[in-house]
Amino acid sequence: LTSGGITNYVDSVKGRFTISRDNAKNSVYLQMNSLK
């Protein structure tokens, strides 16, 4: 996830994982669903 908000995912996780950030908390997250 770029500082400008552009995301990129490896094909194997598309639709299952979501990257996000909270600049106020200096934090980045990875929500992982439908784990294999």
Full PDB file with SEQRES, HELIX, SHEET, SSBOND, CRYST1, ORIGX, SCALE, CONECT and MASTER records, all heavy atoms in Angstrom:
SEQRES   1 A   36  LEU THR SER GLY GLY ILE THR ASN TYR VAL ASP SER VAL          
SEQRES   2 A   36  LYS GLY ARG PHE THR ILE SER ARG ASP ASN ALA LYS ASN          
SEQRES   3 A   36  SER VAL TYR LEU GLN MET ASN SER LEU LYS                      
HELIX    1 AA1 ASP A   11  VAL A   13  5                                   3    
HELIX    2 AA2 ASN A   23  LYS A   25  5                                   3    
SHEET    1 AA1 2 PHE A  17  ASP A  22  0                                        
SHEET    2 AA1 2 SER A  27  MET A  32 -1                                        
CRYST1    1.000    1.000    1.000  90.00  90.00  90.00 P 1           1          
ORIGX1      1.000000  0.000000  0.000000        0.00000                         
ORIGX2      0.000000  1.000000  0.000000        0.00000                         
ORIGX3      0.000000  0.000000  1.000000        0.00000                         
SCALE1      1.000000  0.000000  0.000000        0.00000                         
SCALE2      0.000000  1.000000  0.000000        0.00000                         
SCALE3      0.000000  0.000000  1.000000        0.00000                         
ATOM      1  N   LEU A   1       0.865  -1.182   0.000  1.00  0.00           N  
ATOM      2  CA  LEU A   1       0.000   0.000   0.000  1.00  0.00           C  
ATOM      3  C   LEU A   1       0.896   1.224   0.000  1.00  0.00           C  
ATOM      4  O   LEU A   1       1.677   1.425   0.941  1.00  0.00           O  
ATOM      5  CB  LEU A   1      -0.904  -0.010   1.239  1.00  0.00           C  
ATOM      6  CG  LEU A   1      -1.755   1.220   1.520  1.00  0.00           C  
ATOM      7  CD1 LEU A   1      -2.693   1.528   0.356  1.00  0.00           C  
ATOM      8  CD2 LEU A   1      -2.551   1.033   2.802  1.00  0.00           C  
ATOM      9  N   THR A   2       0.788   2.029  -1.053  1.00  0.00           N  
ATOM     10  CA  THR A   2       1.657   3.194  -1.139  1.00  0.00           C  
ATOM     11  C   THR A   2       1.149   4.318  -0.240  1.00  0.00           C  
ATOM     12  O   THR A   2       0.000   4.291   0.246  1.00  0.00           O  
ATOM     13  CB  THR A   2       1.726   3.710  -2.576  1.00  0.00           C  
ATOM     14  OG1 THR A   2       0.458   4.287  -2.923  1.00  0.00           O  
ATOM     15  CG2 THR A   2       2.087   2.608  -3.553  1.00  0.00           C  
ATOM     16  N   SER A   3       1.992   5.305  -0.042  1.00  0.00           N  
ATOM     17  CA  SER A   3       1.587   6.469   0.752  1.00  0.00           C  
ATOM     18  C   SER A   3       0.437   7.204   0.080  1.00  0.00           C  
ATOM     19  O   SER A   3      -0.327   7.905   0.751  1.00  0.00           O  
ATOM     20  CB  SER A   3       2.774   7.409   0.942  1.00  0.00           C  
ATOM     21  OG  SER A   3       3.278   7.828  -0.306  1.00  0.00           O  
ATOM     22  N   GLY A   4       0.279   7.011  -1.224  1.00  0.00           N  
ATOM     23  CA  GLY A   4      -0.811   7.642  -1.960  1.00  0.00           C  
ATOM     24  C   GLY A   4      -2.076   6.817  -2.029  1.00  0.00           C  
ATOM     25  O   GLY A   4      -3.069   7.243  -2.622  1.00  0.00           O  
ATOM     26  N   GLY A   5      -2.042   5.599  -1.453  1.00  0.00           N  
ATOM     27  CA  GLY A   5      -3.252   4.798  -1.374  1.00  0.00           C  
ATOM     28  C   GLY A   5      -3.413   3.715  -2.428  1.00  0.00           C  
ATOM     29  O   GLY A   5      -4.466   3.095  -2.530  1.00  0.00           O  
ATOM     30  N   ILE A   6      -2.391   3.463  -3.211  1.00  0.00           N  
ATOM     31  CA  ILE A   6      -2.466   2.418  -4.232  1.00  0.00           C  
ATOM     32  C   ILE A   6      -2.093   1.074  -3.611  1.00  0.00           C  
ATOM     33  O   ILE A   6      -1.083   0.961  -2.931  1.00  0.00           O  
ATOM     34  CB  ILE A   6      -1.536   2.740  -5.411  1.00  0.00           C  
ATOM     35  CG1 ILE A   6      -1.967   4.044  -6.076  1.00  0.00           C  
ATOM     36  CG2 ILE A   6      -1.539   1.604  -6.432  1.00  0.00           C  
ATOM     37  CD1 ILE A   6      -1.023   4.546  -7.135  1.00  0.00           C  
ATOM     38  N   THR A   7      -2.916   0.059  -3.878  1.00  0.00           N  
ATOM     39  CA  THR A   7      -2.680  -1.268  -3.317  1.00  0.00           C  
ATOM     40  C   THR A   7      -2.244  -2.253  -4.399  1.00  0.00           C  
ATOM     41  O   THR A   7      -2.549  -2.089  -5.590  1.00  0.00           O  
ATOM     42  CB  THR A   7      -3.938  -1.814  -2.627  1.00  0.00           C  
ATOM     43  OG1 THR A   7      -5.011  -1.848  -3.582  1.00  0.00           O  
ATOM     44  CG2 THR A   7      -4.347  -0.953  -1.452  1.00  0.00           C  
ATOM     45  N   ASN A   8      -1.565  -3.273  -3.953  1.00  0.00           N  
ATOM     46  CA  ASN A   8      -1.124  -4.341  -4.834  1.00  0.00           C  
ATOM     47  C   ASN A   8      -1.109  -5.627  -4.023  1.00  0.00           C  
ATOM     48  O   ASN A   8      -0.668  -5.622  -2.865  1.00  0.00           O  
ATOM     49  CB  ASN A   8       0.274  -4.043  -5.382  1.00  0.00           C  
ATOM     50  CG  ASN A   8       0.753  -5.105  -6.345  1.00  0.00           C  
ATOM     51  OD1 ASN A   8      -0.018  -5.571  -7.176  1.00  0.00           O  
ATOM     52  ND2 ASN A   8       2.006  -5.494  -6.245  1.00  0.00           N  
ATOM     53  N   TYR A   9      -1.602  -6.718  -4.610  1.00  0.00           N  
ATOM     54  CA  TYR A   9      -1.666  -8.002  -3.917  1.00  0.00           C  
ATOM     55  C   TYR A   9      -1.091  -9.104  -4.804  1.00  0.00           C  
ATOM     56  O   TYR A   9      -1.262  -9.080  -6.027  1.00  0.00           O  
ATOM     57  CB  TYR A   9      -3.109  -8.371  -3.575  1.00  0.00           C  
ATOM     58  CG  TYR A   9      -3.792  -7.438  -2.621  1.00  0.00           C  
ATOM     59  CD1 TYR A   9      -4.533  -6.353  -3.085  1.00  0.00           C  
ATOM     60  CD2 TYR A   9      -3.720  -7.643  -1.248  1.00  0.00           C  
ATOM     61  CE1 TYR A   9      -5.170  -5.484  -2.202  1.00  0.00           C  
ATOM     62  CE2 TYR A   9      -4.356  -6.790  -0.353  1.00  0.00           C  
ATOM     63  CZ  TYR A   9      -5.080  -5.721  -0.840  1.00  0.00           C  
ATOM     64  OH  TYR A   9      -5.704  -4.874   0.027  1.00  0.00           O  
ATOM     65  N   VAL A  10      -0.475 -10.077  -4.185  1.00  0.00           N  
ATOM     66  CA  VAL A  10      -0.102 -11.280  -4.925  1.00  0.00           C  
ATOM     67  C   VAL A  10      -1.386 -12.008  -5.295  1.00  0.00           C  
ATOM     68  O   VAL A  10      -2.374 -11.978  -4.541  1.00  0.00           O  
ATOM     69  CB  VAL A  10       0.841 -12.159  -4.069  1.00  0.00           C  
ATOM     70  CG1 VAL A  10       0.141 -12.752  -2.855  1.00  0.00           C  
ATOM     71  CG2 VAL A  10       1.459 -13.254  -4.922  1.00  0.00           C  
ATOM     72  N   ASP A  11      -1.385 -12.654  -6.441  1.00  0.00           N  
ATOM     73  CA  ASP A  11      -2.620 -13.262  -6.954  1.00  0.00           C  
ATOM     74  C   ASP A  11      -3.253 -14.242  -5.968  1.00  0.00           C  
ATOM     75  O   ASP A  11      -4.484 -14.338  -5.869  1.00  0.00           O  
ATOM     76  CB  ASP A  11      -2.347 -13.978  -8.277  1.00  0.00           C  
ATOM     77  CG  ASP A  11      -2.160 -13.012  -9.435  1.00  0.00           C  
ATOM     78  OD1 ASP A  11      -2.492 -11.825  -9.287  1.00  0.00           O  
ATOM     79  OD2 ASP A  11      -1.674 -13.457 -10.495  1.00  0.00           O  
ATOM     80  N   SER A  12      -2.432 -14.951  -5.230  1.00  0.00           N  
ATOM     81  CA  SER A  12      -2.950 -16.012  -4.367  1.00  0.00           C  
ATOM     82  C   SER A  12      -3.770 -15.497  -3.191  1.00  0.00           C  
ATOM     83  O   SER A  12      -4.480 -16.286  -2.547  1.00  0.00           O  
ATOM     84  CB  SER A  12      -1.796 -16.878  -3.854  1.00  0.00           C  
ATOM     85  OG  SER A  12      -0.893 -16.097  -3.101  1.00  0.00           O  
ATOM     86  N   VAL A  13      -3.694 -14.207  -2.886  1.00  0.00           N  
ATOM     87  CA  VAL A  13      -4.452 -13.668  -1.755  1.00  0.00           C  
ATOM     88  C   VAL A  13      -5.521 -12.672  -2.174  1.00  0.00           C  
ATOM     89  O   VAL A  13      -6.275 -12.181  -1.323  1.00  0.00           O  
ATOM     90  CB  VAL A  13      -3.521 -13.024  -0.698  1.00  0.00           C  
ATOM     91  CG1 VAL A  13      -2.414 -13.975  -0.300  1.00  0.00           C  
ATOM     92  CG2 VAL A  13      -2.961 -11.690  -1.170  1.00  0.00           C  
ATOM     93  N   LYS A  14      -5.602 -12.371  -3.444  1.00  0.00           N  
ATOM     94  CA  LYS A  14      -6.601 -11.400  -3.909  1.00  0.00           C  
ATOM     95  C   LYS A  14      -8.010 -11.859  -3.553  1.00  0.00           C  
ATOM     96  O   LYS A  14      -8.369 -13.012  -3.753  1.00  0.00           O  
ATOM     97  CB  LYS A  14      -6.482 -11.206  -5.419  1.00  0.00           C  
ATOM     98  CG  LYS A  14      -5.277 -10.372  -5.832  1.00  0.00           C  
ATOM     99  CD  LYS A  14      -5.202 -10.201  -7.344  1.00  0.00           C  
ATOM    100  CE  LYS A  14      -3.998  -9.358  -7.732  1.00  0.00           C  
ATOM    101  NZ  LYS A  14      -3.860  -9.230  -9.216  1.00  0.00           N  
ATOM    102  N   GLY A  15      -8.780 -10.937  -3.000  1.00  0.00           N  
ATOM    103  CA  GLY A  15     -10.136 -11.244  -2.586  1.00  0.00           C  
ATOM    104  C   GLY A  15     -10.231 -11.823  -1.187  1.00  0.00           C  
ATOM    105  O   GLY A  15     -11.334 -11.963  -0.647  1.00  0.00           O  
ATOM    106  N   ARG A  16      -9.101 -12.173  -0.591  1.00  0.00           N  
ATOM    107  CA  ARG A  16      -9.107 -12.748   0.759  1.00  0.00           C  
ATOM    108  C   ARG A  16      -8.393 -11.858   1.778  1.00  0.00           C  
ATOM    109  O   ARG A  16      -8.796 -11.809   2.940  1.00  0.00           O  
ATOM    110  CB  ARG A  16      -8.424 -14.124   0.750  1.00  0.00           C  
ATOM    111  CG  ARG A  16      -9.081 -15.136  -0.161  1.00  0.00           C  
ATOM    112  CD  ARG A  16      -8.499 -16.527   0.044  1.00  0.00           C  
ATOM    113  NE  ARG A  16      -7.077 -16.599  -0.292  1.00  0.00           N  
ATOM    114  CZ  ARG A  16      -6.130 -16.988   0.560  1.00  0.00           C  
ATOM    115  NH1 ARG A  16      -6.430 -17.332   1.795  1.00  0.00           N  
ATOM    116  NH2 ARG A  16      -4.853 -17.044   0.163  1.00  0.00           N  
ATOM    117  N   PHE A  17      -7.340 -11.187   1.351  1.00  0.00           N  
ATOM    118  CA  PHE A  17      -6.541 -10.345   2.253  1.00  0.00           C  
ATOM    119  C   PHE A  17      -6.771  -8.868   1.915  1.00  0.00           C  
ATOM    120  O   PHE A  17      -6.957  -8.515   0.747  1.00  0.00           O  
ATOM    121  CB  PHE A  17      -5.058 -10.642   2.099  1.00  0.00           C  
ATOM    122  CG  PHE A  17      -4.603 -11.981   2.617  1.00  0.00           C  
ATOM    123  CD1 PHE A  17      -5.501 -12.976   2.977  1.00  0.00           C  
ATOM    124  CD2 PHE A  17      -3.243 -12.242   2.747  1.00  0.00           C  
ATOM    125  CE1 PHE A  17      -5.064 -14.202   3.443  1.00  0.00           C  
ATOM    126  CE2 PHE A  17      -2.788 -13.460   3.218  1.00  0.00           C  
ATOM    127  CZ  PHE A  17      -3.709 -14.440   3.559  1.00  0.00           C  
ATOM    128  N   THR A  18      -6.700  -8.031   2.940  1.00  0.00           N  
ATOM    129  CA  THR A  18      -6.817  -6.593   2.755  1.00  0.00           C  
ATOM    130  C   THR A  18      -5.751  -5.879   3.569  1.00  0.00           C  
ATOM    131  O   THR A  18      -5.663  -6.081   4.792  1.00  0.00           O  
ATOM    132  CB  THR A  18      -8.200  -6.079   3.184  1.00  0.00           C  
ATOM    133  OG1 THR A  18      -9.219  -6.768   2.452  1.00  0.00           O  
ATOM    134  CG2 THR A  18      -8.319  -4.580   2.922  1.00  0.00           C  
ATOM    135  N   ILE A  19      -4.960  -5.066   2.899  1.00  0.00           N  
ATOM    136  CA  ILE A  19      -3.966  -4.250   3.588  1.00  0.00           C  
ATOM    137  C   ILE A  19      -4.552  -2.864   3.828  1.00  0.00           C  
ATOM    138  O   ILE A  19      -5.276  -2.329   2.978  1.00  0.00           O  
ATOM    139  CB  ILE A  19      -2.646  -4.165   2.779  1.00  0.00           C  
ATOM    140  CG1 ILE A  19      -1.559  -3.458   3.591  1.00  0.00           C  
ATOM    141  CG2 ILE A  19      -2.870  -3.491   1.424  1.00  0.00           C  
ATOM    142  CD1 ILE A  19      -0.180  -3.530   2.948  1.00  0.00           C  
ATOM    143  N   SER A  20      -4.263  -2.306   4.995  1.00  0.00           N  
ATOM    144  CA  SER A  20      -4.747  -0.971   5.311  1.00  0.00           C  
ATOM    145  C   SER A  20      -3.740  -0.287   6.236  1.00  0.00           C  
ATOM    146  O   SER A  20      -2.830  -0.935   6.761  1.00  0.00           O  
ATOM    147  CB  SER A  20      -6.130  -1.027   5.968  1.00  0.00           C  
ATOM    148  OG  SER A  20      -6.069  -1.729   7.196  1.00  0.00           O  
ATOM    149  N   ARG A  21      -3.932   0.996   6.418  1.00  0.00           N  
ATOM    150  CA  ARG A  21      -3.036   1.752   7.274  1.00  0.00           C  
ATOM    151  C   ARG A  21      -3.810   2.814   8.039  1.00  0.00           C  
ATOM    152  O   ARG A  21      -4.864   3.271   7.595  1.00  0.00           O  
ATOM    153  CB  ARG A  21      -1.919   2.404   6.456  1.00  0.00           C  
ATOM    154  CG  ARG A  21      -2.393   3.465   5.484  1.00  0.00           C  
ATOM    155  CD  ARG A  21      -1.275   3.881   4.513  1.00  0.00           C  
ATOM    156  NE  ARG A  21      -0.165   4.511   5.210  1.00  0.00           N  
ATOM    157  CZ  ARG A  21       1.040   4.672   4.670  1.00  0.00           C  
ATOM    158  NH1 ARG A  21       1.276   4.241   3.442  1.00  0.00           N  
ATOM    159  NH2 ARG A  21       2.001   5.265   5.351  1.00  0.00           N  
ATOM    160  N   ASP A  22      -3.281   3.188   9.186  1.00  0.00           N  
ATOM    161  CA  ASP A  22      -3.838   4.273   9.983  1.00  0.00           C  
ATOM    162  C   ASP A  22      -2.668   5.188  10.314  1.00  0.00           C  
ATOM    163  O   ASP A  22      -1.870   4.894  11.220  1.00  0.00           O  
ATOM    164  CB  ASP A  22      -4.498   3.733  11.249  1.00  0.00           C  
ATOM    165  CG  ASP A  22      -5.191   4.814  12.057  1.00  0.00           C  
ATOM    166  OD1 ASP A  22      -4.838   6.001  11.898  1.00  0.00           O  
ATOM    167  OD2 ASP A  22      -6.074   4.477  12.856  1.00  0.00           O  
ATOM    168  N   ASN A  23      -2.547   6.268   9.573  1.00  0.00           N  
ATOM    169  CA  ASN A  23      -1.396   7.151   9.763  1.00  0.00           C  
ATOM    170  C   ASN A  23      -1.410   7.827  11.135  1.00  0.00           C  
ATOM    171  O   ASN A  23      -0.353   8.153  11.677  1.00  0.00           O  
ATOM    172  CB  ASN A  23      -1.360   8.211   8.661  1.00  0.00           C  
ATOM    173  CG  ASN A  23      -0.977   7.626   7.312  1.00  0.00           C  
ATOM    174  OD1 ASN A  23      -0.365   6.562   7.235  1.00  0.00           O  
ATOM    175  ND2 ASN A  23      -1.365   8.317   6.248  1.00  0.00           N  
ATOM    176  N   ALA A  24      -2.583   8.011  11.698  1.00  0.00           N  
ATOM    177  CA  ALA A  24      -2.670   8.624  13.023  1.00  0.00           C  
ATOM    178  C   ALA A  24      -2.091   7.709  14.106  1.00  0.00           C  
ATOM    179  O   ALA A  24      -1.627   8.186  15.143  1.00  0.00           O  
ATOM    180  CB  ALA A  24      -4.117   8.956  13.345  1.00  0.00           C  
ATOM    181  N   LYS A  25      -2.129   6.405  13.826  1.00  0.00           N  
ATOM    182  CA  LYS A  25      -1.601   5.425  14.787  1.00  0.00           C  
ATOM    183  C   LYS A  25      -0.268   4.847  14.342  1.00  0.00           C  
ATOM    184  O   LYS A  25       0.248   3.919  14.967  1.00  0.00           O  
ATOM    185  CB  LYS A  25      -2.616   4.293  14.991  1.00  0.00           C  
ATOM    186  CG  LYS A  25      -3.912   4.744  15.640  1.00  0.00           C  
ATOM    187  CD  LYS A  25      -4.852   3.566  15.875  1.00  0.00           C  
ATOM    188  CE  LYS A  25      -6.126   4.021  16.575  1.00  0.00           C  
ATOM    189  NZ  LYS A  25      -7.057   2.881  16.814  1.00  0.00           N  
ATOM    190  N   ASN A  26       0.272   5.381  13.232  1.00  0.00           N  
ATOM    191  CA  ASN A  26       1.538   4.865  12.695  1.00  0.00           C  
ATOM    192  C   ASN A  26       1.508   3.354  12.530  1.00  0.00           C  
ATOM    193  O   ASN A  26       2.473   2.646  12.865  1.00  0.00           O  
ATOM    194  CB  ASN A  26       2.708   5.246  13.619  1.00  0.00           C  
ATOM    195  CG  ASN A  26       3.108   6.698  13.502  1.00  0.00           C  
ATOM    196  OD1 ASN A  26       2.479   7.461  12.776  1.00  0.00           O  
ATOM    197  ND2 ASN A  26       4.130   7.088  14.226  1.00  0.00           N  
ATOM    198  N   SER A  27       0.402   2.866  11.991  1.00  0.00           N  
ATOM    199  CA  SER A  27       0.205   1.426  11.937  1.00  0.00           C  
ATOM    200  C   SER A  27      -0.266   0.950  10.572  1.00  0.00           C  
ATOM    201  O   SER A  27      -0.945   1.685   9.847  1.00  0.00           O  
ATOM    202  CB  SER A  27      -0.820   0.990  12.989  1.00  0.00           C  
ATOM    203  OG  SER A  27      -0.314   1.176  14.301  1.00  0.00           O  
ATOM    204  N   VAL A  28       0.108  -0.264  10.261  1.00  0.00           N  
ATOM    205  CA  VAL A  28      -0.346  -0.946   9.050  1.00  0.00           C  
ATOM    206  C   VAL A  28      -0.939  -2.282   9.479  1.00  0.00           C  
ATOM    207  O   VAL A  28      -0.472  -2.896  10.440  1.00  0.00           O  
ATOM    208  CB  VAL A  28       0.792  -1.124   8.031  1.00  0.00           C  
ATOM    209  CG1 VAL A  28       1.982  -1.836   8.637  1.00  0.00           C  
ATOM    210  CG2 VAL A  28       0.309  -1.844   6.787  1.00  0.00           C  
ATOM    211  N   TYR A  29      -1.964  -2.710   8.741  1.00  0.00           N  
ATOM    212  CA  TYR A  29      -2.701  -3.909   9.099  1.00  0.00           C  
ATOM    213  C   TYR A  29      -2.810  -4.842   7.890  1.00  0.00           C  
ATOM    214  O   TYR A  29      -2.751  -4.413   6.740  1.00  0.00           O  
ATOM    215  CB  TYR A  29      -4.106  -3.544   9.581  1.00  0.00           C  
ATOM    216  CG  TYR A  29      -4.125  -2.503  10.664  1.00  0.00           C  
ATOM    217  CD1 TYR A  29      -4.369  -1.165  10.358  1.00  0.00           C  
ATOM    218  CD2 TYR A  29      -3.884  -2.845  11.988  1.00  0.00           C  
ATOM    219  CE1 TYR A  29      -4.367  -0.195  11.347  1.00  0.00           C  
ATOM    220  CE2 TYR A  29      -3.883  -1.871  12.986  1.00  0.00           C  
ATOM    221  CZ  TYR A  29      -4.125  -0.555  12.658  1.00  0.00           C  
ATOM    222  OH  TYR A  29      -4.128   0.407  13.640  1.00  0.00           O  
ATOM    223  N   LEU A  30      -3.005  -6.109   8.188  1.00  0.00           N  
ATOM    224  CA  LEU A  30      -3.310  -7.085   7.146  1.00  0.00           C  
ATOM    225  C   LEU A  30      -4.452  -7.958   7.653  1.00  0.00           C  
ATOM    226  O   LEU A  30      -4.263  -8.777   8.553  1.00  0.00           O  
ATOM    227  CB  LEU A  30      -2.107  -7.954   6.795  1.00  0.00           C  
ATOM    228  CG  LEU A  30      -2.329  -8.910   5.621  1.00  0.00           C  
ATOM    229  CD1 LEU A  30      -2.489  -8.111   4.315  1.00  0.00           C  
ATOM    230  CD2 LEU A  30      -1.168  -9.894   5.491  1.00  0.00           C  
ATOM    231  N   GLN A  31      -5.640  -7.729   7.093  1.00  0.00           N  
ATOM    232  CA  GLN A  31      -6.792  -8.553   7.420  1.00  0.00           C  
ATOM    233  C   GLN A  31      -6.768  -9.771   6.506  1.00  0.00           C  
ATOM    234  O   GLN A  31      -6.774  -9.620   5.277  1.00  0.00           O  
ATOM    235  CB  GLN A  31      -8.093  -7.773   7.223  1.00  0.00           C  
ATOM    236  CG  GLN A  31      -9.350  -8.582   7.477  1.00  0.00           C  
ATOM    237  CD  GLN A  31      -9.508  -8.989   8.917  1.00  0.00           C  
ATOM    238  OE1 GLN A  31      -9.385  -8.169   9.817  1.00  0.00           O  
ATOM    239  NE2 GLN A  31      -9.799 -10.269   9.150  1.00  0.00           N  
ATOM    240  N   MET A  32      -6.746 -10.942   7.093  1.00  0.00           N  
ATOM    241  CA  MET A  32      -6.648 -12.181   6.327  1.00  0.00           C  
ATOM    242  C   MET A  32      -7.895 -13.024   6.590  1.00  0.00           C  
ATOM    243  O   MET A  32      -8.133 -13.446   7.725  1.00  0.00           O  
ATOM    244  CB  MET A  32      -5.387 -12.959   6.731  1.00  0.00           C  
ATOM    245  CG  MET A  32      -4.121 -12.135   6.611  1.00  0.00           C  
ATOM    246  SD  MET A  32      -2.621 -13.085   6.962  1.00  0.00           S  
ATOM    247  CE  MET A  32      -2.854 -13.428   8.704  1.00  0.00           C  
ATOM    248  N   ASN A  33      -8.667 -13.244   5.542  1.00  0.00           N  
ATOM    249  CA  ASN A  33      -9.884 -14.049   5.630  1.00  0.00           C  
ATOM    250  C   ASN A  33      -9.744 -15.303   4.778  1.00  0.00           C  
ATOM    251  O   ASN A  33      -8.866 -15.388   3.917  1.00  0.00           O  
ATOM    252  CB  ASN A  33     -11.082 -13.230   5.154  1.00  0.00           C  
ATOM    253  CG  ASN A  33     -11.327 -12.001   5.990  1.00  0.00           C  
ATOM    254  OD1 ASN A  33     -11.064 -11.986   7.202  1.00  0.00           O  
ATOM    255  ND2 ASN A  33     -11.826 -10.943   5.371  1.00  0.00           N  
ATOM    256  N   SER A  34     -10.617 -16.249   5.015  1.00  0.00           N  
ATOM    257  CA  SER A  34     -10.627 -17.503   4.248  1.00  0.00           C  
ATOM    258  C   SER A  34      -9.235 -18.107   4.160  1.00  0.00           C  
ATOM    259  O   SER A  34      -8.768 -18.492   3.082  1.00  0.00           O  
ATOM    260  CB  SER A  34     -11.190 -17.245   2.842  1.00  0.00           C  
ATOM    261  OG  SER A  34     -12.498 -16.712   2.904  1.00  0.00           O  
ATOM    262  N   LEU A  35      -8.592 -18.193   5.289  1.00  0.00           N  
ATOM    263  CA  LEU A  35      -7.206 -18.664   5.309  1.00  0.00           C  
ATOM    264  C   LEU A  35      -7.093 -20.118   4.879  1.00  0.00           C  
ATOM    265  O   LEU A  35      -7.984 -20.942   5.142  1.00  0.00           O  
ATOM    266  CB  LEU A  35      -6.615 -18.472   6.702  1.00  0.00           C  
ATOM    267  CG  LEU A  35      -6.204 -17.031   7.010  1.00  0.00           C  
ATOM    268  CD1 LEU A  35      -6.092 -16.793   8.504  1.00  0.00           C  
ATOM    269  CD2 LEU A  35      -4.900 -16.691   6.306  1.00  0.00           C  
ATOM    270  N   LYS A  36      -5.988 -20.406   4.204  1.00  0.00           N  
ATOM    271  CA  LYS A  36      -5.710 -21.738   3.683  1.00  0.00           C  
ATOM    272  C   LYS A  36      -4.404 -22.253   4.283  1.00  0.00           C  
ATOM    273  O   LYS A  36      -3.551 -21.452   4.678  1.00  0.00           O  
ATOM    274  CB  LYS A  36      -5.570 -21.672   2.162  1.00  0.00           C  
ATOM    275  CG  LYS A  36      -6.775 -21.090   1.442  1.00  0.00           C  
ATOM    276  CD  LYS A  36      -6.500 -20.966  -0.047  1.00  0.00           C  
ATOM    277  CE  LYS A  36      -7.687 -20.373  -0.779  1.00  0.00           C  
ATOM    278  NZ  LYS A  36      -7.432 -20.249  -2.241  1.00  0.00           N  
TER     279      LYS A  36                                                      
MASTER        0    0    0    2    2    0    0    6  278    1    0    3          
END                                                                             
